[in-house]
Amino acid sequence: MPLPALANPHISWGLVQKAGEAGLTIYKNRKGIAEGWDSALAFLFGKKRRLLIVGAEGAGKSVLADYMAGKGLSPKYLVPKRSIRVEKERSQTEHLRLELSIIPGQKLKAHYDGKDAAYAGDKALDAVIHVFANGWLDPDRLAPGDALGSSPFMAYRLASLNHELRMLEDTCEDLKRHWSHHHQPINFAIAFSKIDLYHEELSTIHDFIEAEIRPRIQDLIHHVGAQNISVEALPVATHIDEFRFANDVFQPQFGLTIRNAYLNQFGARLVDLLG
């Protein structure tokens, strides 16, 4: 049963609310990566755009950036190691002009310096994508000695979720800073990553969004003005793999066909945001 639509036209959670419902089934019989993702990449790369990818450590930022840069679908693709510096992704051919910057989640000097350069630099951003793993932060990606990785899984996931909410709040503050510095409209997407691990929970995520995320976004919109920002929540899956925590192993809840559908859907909505 579809979840009710939210009233504010400047916030769209529709794709998260409807994920897994009938609207997705039209993709299920497609084989391989369908033309939608390729078309979205061609559009995004066709005009110079500056995108910033942020989020907690272990949320899947670098992997999403690799897919957006066209690398992730290679049969030889390997998930990158934990990064503690600002990463840059650009096209590998002359006519592709998308510029992606990925801010490391660990709050080290590179994290703060990268945000200062991105939000208060000479050039305004076209979009910010905050990657939100819904508590499924990769324990292997956490900084050495981080206490998040030392508790039983459900406690770990709750602690991770609270950590992600604090990081999202930081991003909202950074977007206020971007507005104060540039006074230019911006697109903001919250990418619910790793949905292959919690796909069966998506039908209940509306209450979580209403209680925990919507107030933060409403405060952001109030600060910058509704006409100066568009916000959307986008479910996405990239690299399909099991999730290990201590002795627990969690298997993905769908495979590559549905993964490809979510990639297409994600790409199409980015095109809408930036078009």
C-alpha atoms as a PDB file:
ATOM      1  CA  MET A   1       0.000   0.000   0.000  1.00  0.00           C
ATOM      2  CA  PRO A   2       1.530   3.340  -1.025  1.00  0.00           C
ATOM      3  CA  LEU A   3       2.500   5.697   1.750  1.00  0.00           C
ATOM      4  CA  PRO A   4       0.782   9.098   1.795  1.00  0.00           C
ATOM      5  CA  ALA A   5       2.463  11.908  -0.138  1.00  0.00           C
ATOM      6  CA  LEU A   6       3.988  14.737   1.844  1.00  0.00           C
ATOM      7  CA  ALA A   7       2.496  18.175   1.428  1.00  0.00           C
ATOM      8  CA  ASN A   8       5.596  20.306   0.931  1.00  0.00           C
ATOM      9  CA  PRO A   9       6.362  20.439  -2.822  1.00  0.00           C
ATOM     10  CA  HIS A  10       9.988  21.338  -2.133  1.00  0.00           C
ATOM     11  CA  ILE A  11      10.670  17.980  -0.461  1.00  0.00           C
ATOM     12  CA  SER A  12      10.083  14.786  -2.413  1.00  0.00           C
ATOM     13  CA  TRP A  13      10.377  11.419  -0.693  1.00  0.00           C
ATOM     14  CA  GLY A  14       8.318   9.610  -3.317  1.00  0.00           C
ATOM     15  CA  LEU A  15      10.947   7.199  -4.580  1.00  0.00           C
ATOM     16  CA  VAL A  16      11.803   5.998  -1.090  1.00  0.00           C
ATOM     17  CA  GLN A  17       8.135   5.659  -0.167  1.00  0.00           C
ATOM     18  CA  LYS A  18       7.289   3.628  -3.266  1.00  0.00           C
ATOM     19  CA  ALA A  19      10.462   1.591  -3.562  1.00  0.00           C
ATOM     20  CA  GLY A  20       9.703  -2.077  -4.086  1.00  0.00           C
ATOM     21  CA  GLU A  21       6.125  -1.414  -5.193  1.00  0.00           C
ATOM     22  CA  ALA A  22       4.522  -1.791  -8.597  1.00  0.00           C
ATOM     23  CA  GLY A  23       6.383   1.108 -10.133  1.00  0.00           C
ATOM     24  CA  LEU A  24       9.630  -0.826  -9.908  1.00  0.00           C
ATOM     25  CA  THR A  25       8.370  -4.060 -11.419  1.00  0.00           C
ATOM     26  CA  ILE A  26       8.534  -2.679 -14.965  1.00  0.00           C
ATOM     27  CA  TYR A  27      12.312  -2.987 -14.671  1.00  0.00           C
ATOM     28  CA  LYS A  28      12.516  -6.452 -13.227  1.00  0.00           C
ATOM     29  CA  ASN A  29      12.706  -8.322 -16.515  1.00  0.00           C
ATOM     30  CA  ARG A  30      15.451  -6.166 -17.970  1.00  0.00           C
ATOM     31  CA  LYS A  31      18.740  -7.962 -18.459  1.00  0.00           C
ATOM     32  CA  GLY A  32      22.040  -6.322 -17.633  1.00  0.00           C
ATOM     33  CA  ILE A  33      22.368  -2.618 -17.210  1.00  0.00           C
ATOM     34  CA  ALA A  34      19.528  -0.945 -19.068  1.00  0.00           C
ATOM     35  CA  GLU A  35      19.785   2.145 -21.194  1.00  0.00           C
ATOM     36  CA  GLY A  36      18.424   4.421 -18.460  1.00  0.00           C
ATOM     37  CA  TRP A  37      21.648   4.580 -16.459  1.00  0.00           C
ATOM     38  CA  ASP A  38      23.782   5.155 -19.556  1.00  0.00           C
ATOM     39  CA  SER A  39      21.451   7.935 -20.684  1.00  0.00           C
ATOM     40  CA  ALA A  40      21.571   9.554 -17.254  1.00  0.00           C
ATOM     41  CA  LEU A  41      25.366   9.490 -17.231  1.00  0.00           C
ATOM     42  CA  ALA A  42      25.488  10.984 -20.714  1.00  0.00           C
ATOM     43  CA  PHE A  43      23.248  13.840 -19.562  1.00  0.00           C
ATOM     44  CA  LEU A  44      25.132  14.465 -16.322  1.00  0.00           C
ATOM     45  CA  PHE A  45      28.505  14.428 -18.027  1.00  0.00           C
ATOM     46  CA  GLY A  46      27.359  16.410 -21.046  1.00  0.00           C
ATOM     47  CA  LYS A  47      27.438  19.791 -19.320  1.00  0.00           C
ATOM     48  CA  LYS A  48      29.924  20.878 -16.702  1.00  0.00           C
ATOM     49  CA  ARG A  49      28.380  20.376 -13.273  1.00  0.00           C
ATOM     50  CA  ARG A  50      29.921  20.425  -9.818  1.00  0.00           C
ATOM     51  CA  LEU A  51      28.565  17.756  -7.493  1.00  0.00           C
ATOM     52  CA  LEU A  52      29.637  17.102  -3.921  1.00  0.00           C
ATOM     53  CA  ILE A  53      29.164  13.719  -2.253  1.00  0.00           C
ATOM     54  CA  VAL A  54      29.128  13.654   1.547  1.00  0.00           C
ATOM     55  CA  GLY A  55      28.029  11.362   4.358  1.00  0.00           C
ATOM     56  CA  ALA A  56      29.326   9.209   7.182  1.00  0.00           C
ATOM     57  CA  GLU A  57      32.351   6.961   6.913  1.00  0.00           C
ATOM     58  CA  GLY A  58      31.399   3.563   5.520  1.00  0.00           C
ATOM     59  CA  ALA A  59      28.117   4.767   3.946  1.00  0.00           C
ATOM     60  CA  GLY A  60      29.186   4.013   0.380  1.00  0.00           C
ATOM     61  CA  LYS A  61      30.179   7.456  -0.933  1.00  0.00           C
ATOM     62  CA  SER A  62      33.179   6.376  -2.999  1.00  0.00           C
ATOM     63  CA  VAL A  63      31.336   3.399  -4.457  1.00  0.00           C
ATOM     64  CA  LEU A  64      28.411   5.579  -5.535  1.00  0.00           C
ATOM     65  CA  ALA A  65      30.872   8.058  -7.066  1.00  0.00           C
ATOM     66  CA  ASP A  66      32.528   5.219  -8.988  1.00  0.00           C
ATOM     67  CA  TYR A  67      29.151   4.193 -10.413  1.00  0.00           C
ATOM     68  CA  MET A  68      28.327   7.777 -11.299  1.00  0.00           C
ATOM     69  CA  ALA A  69      31.697   8.058 -13.055  1.00  0.00           C
ATOM     70  CA  GLY A  70      30.939   4.917 -15.053  1.00  0.00           C
ATOM     71  CA  LYS A  71      33.501   2.671 -13.340  1.00  0.00           C
ATOM     72  CA  GLY A  72      31.341   0.561 -11.058  1.00  0.00           C
ATOM     73  CA  LEU A  73      29.752  -1.635 -13.715  1.00  0.00           C
ATOM     74  CA  SER A  74      33.067  -3.025 -14.922  1.00  0.00           C
ATOM     75  CA  PRO A  75      33.387  -6.799 -14.308  1.00  0.00           C
ATOM     76  CA  LYS A  76      36.804  -6.055 -12.802  1.00  0.00           C
ATOM     77  CA  TYR A  77      35.515  -3.405 -10.396  1.00  0.00           C
ATOM     78  CA  LEU A  78      36.895  -3.559  -6.855  1.00  0.00           C
ATOM     79  CA  VAL A  79      35.408  -1.619  -3.937  1.00  0.00           C
ATOM     80  CA  PRO A  80      37.887   1.125  -2.986  1.00  0.00           C
ATOM     81  CA  LYS A  81      39.656   1.099   0.336  1.00  0.00           C
ATOM     82  CA  ARG A  82      38.767   3.501   3.139  1.00  0.00           C
ATOM     83  CA  SER A  83      39.669   7.037   2.164  1.00  0.00           C
ATOM     84  CA  ILE A  84      40.920   9.755   4.507  1.00  0.00           C
ATOM     85  CA  ARG A  85      41.348  12.462   1.858  1.00  0.00           C
ATOM     86  CA  VAL A  86      39.118  14.364  -0.532  1.00  0.00           C
ATOM     87  CA  GLU A  87      38.599  12.326  -3.684  1.00  0.00           C
ATOM     88  CA  LYS A  88      37.911  13.673  -7.150  1.00  0.00           C
ATOM     89  CA  GLU A  89      36.127  11.903  -9.966  1.00  0.00           C
ATOM     90  CA  ARG A  90      36.061  13.233 -13.503  1.00  0.00           C
ATOM     91  CA  SER A  91      35.185  11.817 -16.864  1.00  0.00           C
ATOM     92  CA  GLN A  92      37.767   9.719 -18.651  1.00  0.00           C
ATOM     93  CA  THR A  93      36.951  11.110 -22.086  1.00  0.00           C
ATOM     94  CA  GLU A  94      37.233  14.636 -23.333  1.00  0.00           C
ATOM     95  CA  HIS A  95      33.524  15.398 -23.791  1.00  0.00           C
ATOM     96  CA  LEU A  96      32.423  14.196 -20.345  1.00  0.00           C
ATOM     97  CA  ARG A  97      32.551  17.079 -17.901  1.00  0.00           C
ATOM     98  CA  LEU A  98      31.001  15.979 -14.607  1.00  0.00           C
ATOM     99  CA  GLU A  99      33.136  16.939 -11.617  1.00  0.00           C
ATOM    100  CA  LEU A 100      32.546  14.906  -8.469  1.00  0.00           C
ATOM    101  CA  SER A 101      34.196  15.620  -5.137  1.00  0.00           C
ATOM    102  CA  ILE A 102      33.865  13.141  -2.262  1.00  0.00           C
ATOM    103  CA  ILE A 103      34.458  14.378   1.266  1.00  0.00           C
ATOM    104  CA  PRO A 104      35.817  11.714   3.662  1.00  0.00           C
ATOM    105  CA  GLY A 105      33.479  10.932   6.531  1.00  0.00           C
ATOM    106  CA  GLN A 106      36.213  10.765   9.154  1.00  0.00           C
ATOM    107  CA  LYS A 107      36.461  14.141  10.833  1.00  0.00           C
ATOM    108  CA  LEU A 108      40.099  14.696  10.097  1.00  0.00           C
ATOM    109  CA  LYS A 109      41.754  17.804   8.639  1.00  0.00           C
ATOM    110  CA  ALA A 110      40.937  16.695   5.087  1.00  0.00           C
ATOM    111  CA  HIS A 111      37.253  16.511   6.011  1.00  0.00           C
ATOM    112  CA  TYR A 112      37.082  20.115   7.208  1.00  0.00           C
ATOM    113  CA  ASP A 113      39.402  21.512   4.549  1.00  0.00           C
ATOM    114  CA  GLY A 114      37.429  19.762   1.820  1.00  0.00           C
ATOM    115  CA  LYS A 115      34.140  21.151   3.073  1.00  0.00           C
ATOM    116  CA  ASP A 116      35.550  24.666   3.332  1.00  0.00           C
ATOM    117  CA  ALA A 117      36.767  24.511  -0.263  1.00  0.00           C
ATOM    118  CA  ALA A 118      33.488  23.069  -1.539  1.00  0.00           C
ATOM    119  CA  TYR A 119      30.924  25.168   0.299  1.00  0.00           C
ATOM    120  CA  ALA A 120      32.796  28.464   0.553  1.00  0.00           C
ATOM    121  CA  GLY A 121      35.084  28.276  -2.469  1.00  0.00           C
ATOM    122  CA  ASP A 122      35.071  30.450  -5.563  1.00  0.00           C
ATOM    123  CA  LYS A 123      32.542  28.358  -7.495  1.00  0.00           C
ATOM    124  CA  ALA A 124      29.068  27.376  -6.367  1.00  0.00           C
ATOM    125  CA  LEU A 125      27.975  23.748  -6.322  1.00  0.00           C
ATOM    126  CA  ASP A 126      25.197  22.456  -8.571  1.00  0.00           C
ATOM    127  CA  ALA A 127      24.188  19.687  -6.202  1.00  0.00           C
ATOM    128  CA  VAL A 128      25.064  17.963  -2.947  1.00  0.00           C
ATOM    129  CA  ILE A 129      24.392  14.252  -2.520  1.00  0.00           C
ATOM    130  CA  HIS A 130      24.356  13.071   1.080  1.00  0.00           C
ATOM    131  CA  VAL A 131      24.798   9.281   1.191  1.00  0.00           C
ATOM    132  CA  PHE A 132      22.747   7.792   4.035  1.00  0.00           C
ATOM    133  CA  ALA A 133      23.164   4.057   4.710  1.00  0.00           C
ATOM    134  CA  ASN A 134      20.308   3.833   7.250  1.00  0.00           C
ATOM    135  CA  GLY A 135      22.639   2.482   9.918  1.00  0.00           C
ATOM    136  CA  TRP A 136      24.418  -0.040   7.671  1.00  0.00           C
ATOM    137  CA  LEU A 137      27.822   1.603   7.953  1.00  0.00           C
ATOM    138  CA  ASP A 138      30.599  -0.752   6.982  1.00  0.00           C
ATOM    139  CA  PRO A 139      32.513  -1.628  10.193  1.00  0.00           C
ATOM    140  CA  ASP A 140      35.687  -2.137   8.144  1.00  0.00           C
ATOM    141  CA  ARG A 141      35.505   1.490   6.998  1.00  0.00           C
ATOM    142  CA  LEU A 142      35.474   3.050  10.446  1.00  0.00           C
ATOM    143  CA  ALA A 143      38.537   4.790  11.770  1.00  0.00           C
ATOM    144  CA  PRO A 144      40.803   2.666  14.012  1.00  0.00           C
ATOM    145  CA  GLY A 145      39.554   2.622  17.580  1.00  0.00           C
ATOM    146  CA  ASP A 146      36.078   3.869  16.685  1.00  0.00           C
ATOM    147  CA  ALA A 147      33.669   2.601  19.337  1.00  0.00           C
ATOM    148  CA  LEU A 148      30.851   2.126  16.821  1.00  0.00           C
ATOM    149  CA  GLY A 149      32.303  -1.202  15.750  1.00  0.00           C
ATOM    150  CA  SER A 150      32.504  -2.812  19.177  1.00  0.00           C
ATOM    151  CA  SER A 151      28.873  -3.510  20.176  1.00  0.00           C
ATOM    152  CA  PRO A 152      26.356  -6.194  19.135  1.00  0.00           C
ATOM    153  CA  PHE A 153      24.816  -5.596  15.739  1.00  0.00           C
ATOM    154  CA  MET A 154      21.486  -3.973  16.648  1.00  0.00           C
ATOM    155  CA  ALA A 155      23.187  -1.634  19.102  1.00  0.00           C
ATOM    156  CA  TYR A 156      25.828  -0.972  16.465  1.00  0.00           C
ATOM    157  CA  ARG A 157      23.214  -0.170  13.853  1.00  0.00           C
ATOM    158  CA  LEU A 158      21.341   2.194  16.192  1.00  0.00           C
ATOM    159  CA  ALA A 159      24.583   3.971  17.098  1.00  0.00           C
ATOM    160  CA  SER A 160      25.463   4.159  13.393  1.00  0.00           C
ATOM    161  CA  LEU A 161      22.055   5.580  12.553  1.00  0.00           C
ATOM    162  CA  ASN A 162      22.392   8.288  15.195  1.00  0.00           C
ATOM    163  CA  HIS A 163      25.866   9.066  13.875  1.00  0.00           C
ATOM    164  CA  GLU A 164      24.469   9.383  10.354  1.00  0.00           C
ATOM    165  CA  LEU A 165      21.747  11.759  11.557  1.00  0.00           C
ATOM    166  CA  ARG A 166      24.384  13.987  13.137  1.00  0.00           C
ATOM    167  CA  MET A 167      26.313  13.962   9.868  1.00  0.00           C
ATOM    168  CA  LEU A 168      23.133  14.867   7.981  1.00  0.00           C
ATOM    169  CA  GLU A 169      22.598  17.765  10.360  1.00  0.00           C
ATOM    170  CA  ASP A 170      26.161  18.900   9.613  1.00  0.00           C
ATOM    171  CA  THR A 171      25.366  18.813   5.896  1.00  0.00           C
ATOM    172  CA  CYS A 172      22.283  20.962   6.420  1.00  0.00           C
ATOM    173  CA  GLU A 173      24.440  23.515   8.238  1.00  0.00           C
ATOM    174  CA  ASP A 174      26.975  23.383   5.417  1.00  0.00           C
ATOM    175  CA  LEU A 175      24.240  24.038   2.861  1.00  0.00           C
ATOM    176  CA  LYS A 176      23.229  27.121   4.836  1.00  0.00           C
ATOM    177  CA  ARG A 177      26.843  28.236   4.630  1.00  0.00           C
ATOM    178  CA  HIS A 178      26.869  27.617   0.868  1.00  0.00           C
ATOM    179  CA  TRP A 179      23.795  29.807   0.490  1.00  0.00           C
ATOM    180  CA  SER A 180      25.287  32.576   2.611  1.00  0.00           C
ATOM    181  CA  HIS A 181      28.465  32.528   0.538  1.00  0.00           C
ATOM    182  CA  HIS A 182      27.072  32.120  -3.002  1.00  0.00           C
ATOM    183  CA  HIS A 183      23.370  33.059  -2.903  1.00  0.00           C
ATOM    184  CA  GLN A 184      22.671  30.572  -5.670  1.00  0.00           C
ATOM    185  CA  PRO A 185      19.992  27.853  -5.744  1.00  0.00           C
ATOM    186  CA  ILE A 186      21.175  24.309  -5.130  1.00  0.00           C
ATOM    187  CA  ASN A 187      19.855  20.761  -5.422  1.00  0.00           C
ATOM    188  CA  PHE A 188      20.104  18.469  -2.432  1.00  0.00           C
ATOM    189  CA  ALA A 189      19.636  14.703  -2.687  1.00  0.00           C
ATOM    190  CA  ILE A 190      19.678  12.264   0.209  1.00  0.00           C
ATOM    191  CA  ALA A 191      20.765   8.956  -1.308  1.00  0.00           C
ATOM    192  CA  PHE A 192      19.522   6.049   0.795  1.00  0.00           C
ATOM    193  CA  SER A 193      22.357   3.660  -0.045  1.00  0.00           C
ATOM    194  CA  LYS A 194      22.775  -0.097   0.415  1.00  0.00           C
ATOM    195  CA  ILE A 195      19.038  -0.668   0.115  1.00  0.00           C
ATOM    196  CA  ASP A 196      19.750  -4.255  -0.922  1.00  0.00           C
ATOM    197  CA  LEU A 197      20.406  -4.842   2.796  1.00  0.00           C
ATOM    198  CA  TYR A 198      17.131  -3.336   4.097  1.00  0.00           C
ATOM    199  CA  HIS A 199      14.808  -3.408   1.120  1.00  0.00           C
ATOM    200  CA  GLU A 200      12.055  -5.096   3.121  1.00  0.00           C
ATOM    201  CA  GLU A 201      12.059  -2.145   5.566  1.00  0.00           C
ATOM    202  CA  LEU A 202      11.468   0.551   2.945  1.00  0.00           C
ATOM    203  CA  SER A 203       7.696   0.448   3.303  1.00  0.00           C
ATOM    204  CA  THR A 204       8.062   1.613   6.921  1.00  0.00           C
ATOM    205  CA  ILE A 205      10.671   4.309   6.359  1.00  0.00           C
ATOM    206  CA  HIS A 206       8.090   7.112   6.050  1.00  0.00           C
ATOM    207  CA  ASP A 207       7.713   7.398   9.838  1.00  0.00           C
ATOM    208  CA  PHE A 208      11.486   7.625  10.267  1.00  0.00           C
ATOM    209  CA  ILE A 209      11.719  10.353   7.637  1.00  0.00           C
ATOM    210  CA  GLU A 210       8.896  12.301   9.253  1.00  0.00           C
ATOM    211  CA  ALA A 211      10.351  12.066  12.754  1.00  0.00           C
ATOM    212  CA  GLU A 212      14.094  12.354  12.177  1.00  0.00           C
ATOM    213  CA  ILE A 213      14.865  13.811   8.753  1.00  0.00           C
ATOM    214  CA  ARG A 214      12.018  16.118   7.819  1.00  0.00           C
ATOM    215  CA  PRO A 215      12.557  18.577  10.748  1.00  0.00           C
ATOM    216  CA  ARG A 216      16.198  19.028   9.748  1.00  0.00           C
ATOM    217  CA  ILE A 217      15.242  19.647   6.129  1.00  0.00           C
ATOM    218  CA  GLN A 218      12.446  22.041   7.065  1.00  0.00           C
ATOM    219  CA  ASP A 219      14.904  24.093   9.107  1.00  0.00           C
ATOM    220  CA  LEU A 220      17.266  24.192   6.109  1.00  0.00           C
ATOM    221  CA  ILE A 221      14.488  25.321   3.766  1.00  0.00           C
ATOM    222  CA  HIS A 222      13.382  27.972   6.231  1.00  0.00           C
ATOM    223  CA  HIS A 223      16.931  29.349   6.306  1.00  0.00           C
ATOM    224  CA  VAL A 224      17.710  29.447   2.571  1.00  0.00           C
ATOM    225  CA  GLY A 225      14.195  29.942   1.203  1.00  0.00           C
ATOM    226  CA  ALA A 226      12.033  27.348  -0.500  1.00  0.00           C
ATOM    227  CA  GLN A 227      12.719  28.843  -3.922  1.00  0.00           C
ATOM    228  CA  ASN A 228      16.475  28.339  -3.492  1.00  0.00           C
ATOM    229  CA  ILE A 229      16.689  24.623  -2.801  1.00  0.00           C
ATOM    230  CA  SER A 230      15.088  21.415  -3.988  1.00  0.00           C
ATOM    231  CA  VAL A 231      15.340  18.316  -1.820  1.00  0.00           C
ATOM    232  CA  GLU A 232      14.741  14.716  -2.715  1.00  0.00           C
ATOM    233  CA  ALA A 233      15.337  11.336  -1.097  1.00  0.00           C
ATOM    234  CA  LEU A 234      16.541   8.721  -3.565  1.00  0.00           C
ATOM    235  CA  PRO A 235      16.951   5.000  -2.845  1.00  0.00           C
ATOM    236  CA  VAL A 236      19.949   3.473  -4.589  1.00  0.00           C
ATOM    237  CA  ALA A 237      21.929   0.262  -4.668  1.00  0.00           C
ATOM    238  CA  THR A 238      25.389  -0.119  -6.147  1.00  0.00           C
ATOM    239  CA  HIS A 239      27.769  -2.937  -5.279  1.00  0.00           C
ATOM    240  CA  ILE A 240      25.771  -5.987  -4.185  1.00  0.00           C
ATOM    241  CA  ASP A 241      27.494  -7.924  -1.435  1.00  0.00           C
ATOM    242  CA  GLU A 242      26.894  -9.529   1.945  1.00  0.00           C
ATOM    243  CA  PHE A 243      27.339  -7.477   5.110  1.00  0.00           C
ATOM    244  CA  ARG A 244      29.469  -8.869   7.911  1.00  0.00           C
ATOM    245  CA  PHE A 245      29.465  -7.739  11.512  1.00  0.00           C
ATOM    246  CA  ALA A 246      31.414  -9.877  13.981  1.00  0.00           C
ATOM    247  CA  ASN A 247      29.884 -13.367  13.571  1.00  0.00           C
ATOM    248  CA  ASP A 248      26.728 -12.134  11.820  1.00  0.00           C
ATOM    249  CA  VAL A 249      26.378 -12.294   8.049  1.00  0.00           C
ATOM    250  CA  PHE A 250      23.508 -10.497   6.274  1.00  0.00           C
ATOM    251  CA  GLN A 251      22.737 -11.428   2.684  1.00  0.00           C
ATOM    252  CA  PRO A 252      21.464  -8.920   0.111  1.00  0.00           C
ATOM    253  CA  GLN A 253      17.700  -9.009  -0.399  1.00  0.00           C
ATOM    254  CA  PHE A 254      17.823  -8.683  -4.177  1.00  0.00           C
ATOM    255  CA  GLY A 255      20.254  -9.143  -7.052  1.00  0.00           C
ATOM    256  CA  LEU A 256      21.670  -7.299 -10.031  1.00  0.00           C
ATOM    257  CA  THR A 257      18.450  -6.932 -12.028  1.00  0.00           C
ATOM    258  CA  ILE A 258      16.714  -4.888  -9.340  1.00  0.00           C
ATOM    259  CA  ARG A 259      20.018  -3.138  -8.571  1.00  0.00           C
ATOM    260  CA  ASN A 260      20.089  -1.975 -12.181  1.00  0.00           C
ATOM    261  CA  ALA A 261      16.526  -0.728 -11.869  1.00  0.00           C
ATOM    262  CA  TYR A 262      17.431   1.385  -8.879  1.00  0.00           C
ATOM    263  CA  LEU A 263      20.478   2.760 -10.692  1.00  0.00           C
ATOM    264  CA  ASN A 264      18.265   3.783 -13.605  1.00  0.00           C
ATOM    265  CA  GLN A 265      15.764   5.365 -11.258  1.00  0.00           C
ATOM    266  CA  PHE A 266      18.497   7.207  -9.350  1.00  0.00           C
ATOM    267  CA  GLY A 267      20.046   8.510 -12.542  1.00  0.00           C
ATOM    268  CA  ALA A 268      16.711   9.651 -13.948  1.00  0.00           C
ATOM    269  CA  ARG A 269      15.909  11.648 -10.837  1.00  0.00           C
ATOM    270  CA  LEU A 270      19.319  13.298 -10.840  1.00  0.00           C
ATOM    271  CA  VAL A 271      18.647  14.340 -14.416  1.00  0.00           C
ATOM    272  CA  ASP A 272      15.336  15.840 -13.306  1.00  0.00           C
ATOM    273  CA  LEU A 273      17.033  17.707 -10.470  1.00  0.00           C
ATOM    274  CA  LEU A 274      19.799  19.118 -12.633  1.00  0.00           C
ATOM    275  CA  GLY A 275      17.969  19.480 -15.925  1.00  0.00           C
END
